[in-house]
Amino acid sequence: MSAVPEAVELTPAALRLRWPDGASELSAARLRAACRCGDCRAGRSRSDGVDVQLADARPVGQYALQLVFSDGHDRGIYPWAWLQELAT
């Protein structure tokens, strides 16, 4: 089981996570480009990421966040393990 972050901070430009063993920061553009929802996997809902910002982060149980972006995209679920992988 992956670690759950001790703290989550959302800014328009980035998601900051404090893990038991350190911290990570992921840019809004990186997170948007890494979306694994069905539309993004099929190439129907990709953003070029240039001006995309984070608008909201909603918890999904104890295992993930649902991120909402300034381009209106809100279908991506980002499990903690995936966020840890993106940060490395």
Protein backbone atom coordinates (compact mmCIF):
# COMPACT_ATOMS: atom_id res chain seq x y z
CA MET A 1 0.00 0.00 0.00
CA SER A 2 1.32 3.43 -0.84
CA ALA A 3 1.87 6.13 1.70
CA VAL A 4 -0.76 8.77 2.29
CA PRO A 5 0.59 12.32 2.37
CA GLU A 6 0.66 14.10 5.71
CA ALA A 7 -0.24 17.41 4.06
CA VAL A 8 -1.63 18.54 0.70
CA GLU A 9 -1.31 22.12 -0.52
CA LEU A 10 -2.91 23.32 -3.73
CA THR A 11 -1.89 26.48 -5.54
CA PRO A 12 -2.92 27.46 -9.06
CA ALA A 13 0.56 26.52 -10.30
CA ALA A 14 1.30 23.33 -8.37
CA LEU A 15 0.29 20.55 -6.02
CA ARG A 16 2.59 20.21 -3.00
CA LEU A 17 2.56 16.99 -1.03
CA ARG A 18 4.38 16.23 2.22
CA TRP A 19 5.02 12.51 2.56
CA PRO A 20 6.29 10.66 5.65
CA ASP A 21 9.72 10.46 3.97
CA GLY A 22 9.90 13.87 2.24
CA ALA A 23 8.06 16.35 0.07
CA SER A 24 7.21 16.69 -3.60
CA GLU A 25 5.80 19.36 -5.88
CA LEU A 26 4.06 18.69 -9.19
CA SER A 27 3.23 21.48 -11.60
CA ALA A 28 -0.30 21.93 -12.89
CA ALA A 29 0.92 21.39 -16.46
CA ARG A 30 2.65 18.12 -15.53
CA LEU A 31 -0.43 16.83 -13.72
CA ARG A 32 -2.75 17.77 -16.60
CA ALA A 33 -0.48 16.05 -19.11
CA ALA A 34 -0.37 12.92 -16.92
CA CYS A 35 -4.14 12.52 -16.65
CA ARG A 36 -5.17 8.90 -17.13
CA CYS A 37 -8.93 9.33 -17.54
CA GLY A 38 -10.60 7.59 -20.47
CA ASP A 39 -10.92 10.75 -22.56
CA CYS A 40 -7.27 11.67 -22.10
CA ARG A 41 -6.09 8.13 -22.84
CA ALA A 42 -8.08 8.25 -26.07
CA GLY A 43 -6.57 11.64 -26.91
CA ARG A 44 -9.92 13.44 -26.84
CA SER A 45 -9.21 15.73 -23.88
CA ARG A 46 -5.60 16.83 -23.87
CA SER A 47 -4.41 20.27 -22.92
CA ASP A 48 -1.16 21.69 -24.19
CA GLY A 49 -0.54 22.65 -20.55
CA VAL A 50 0.83 26.09 -21.33
CA ASP A 51 -1.62 28.11 -19.22
CA VAL A 52 -3.46 25.40 -17.31
CA GLN A 53 -3.87 25.92 -13.58
CA LEU A 54 -5.19 23.85 -10.73
CA ALA A 55 -8.62 25.01 -9.58
CA ASP A 56 -9.49 22.38 -6.94
CA ALA A 57 -8.50 19.06 -5.42
CA ARG A 58 -11.16 16.75 -4.02
CA PRO A 59 -10.39 13.68 -1.92
CA VAL A 60 -11.45 10.31 -3.31
CA GLY A 61 -11.71 8.06 -0.28
CA GLN A 62 -8.35 7.53 1.37
CA TYR A 63 -6.50 6.60 -1.82
CA ALA A 64 -6.57 9.52 -4.29
CA LEU A 65 -7.36 13.07 -5.34
CA GLN A 66 -9.65 14.24 -8.10
CA LEU A 67 -8.02 17.29 -9.64
CA VAL A 68 -9.93 20.10 -11.32
CA PHE A 69 -8.10 22.24 -13.87
CA SER A 70 -8.72 25.74 -15.19
CA ASP A 71 -9.51 24.31 -18.64
CA GLY A 72 -12.59 22.66 -17.10
CA HIS A 73 -11.15 19.16 -17.01
CA ASP A 74 -12.18 17.31 -13.83
CA ARG A 75 -12.29 13.64 -14.75
CA GLY A 76 -8.84 12.56 -13.64
CA ILE A 77 -8.35 10.57 -10.46
CA TYR A 78 -4.79 10.68 -9.13
CA PRO A 79 -4.04 7.86 -6.65
CA TRP A 80 -1.34 8.58 -4.07
CA ALA A 81 0.92 5.92 -5.61
CA TRP A 82 0.61 7.59 -9.04
CA LEU A 83 1.43 11.01 -7.57
CA GLN A 84 4.49 9.53 -5.86
CA GLU A 85 5.60 7.98 -9.16
CA LEU A 86 5.09 11.26 -11.05
CA ALA A 87 7.24 13.08 -8.49
CA THR A 88 10.26 10.84 -9.01
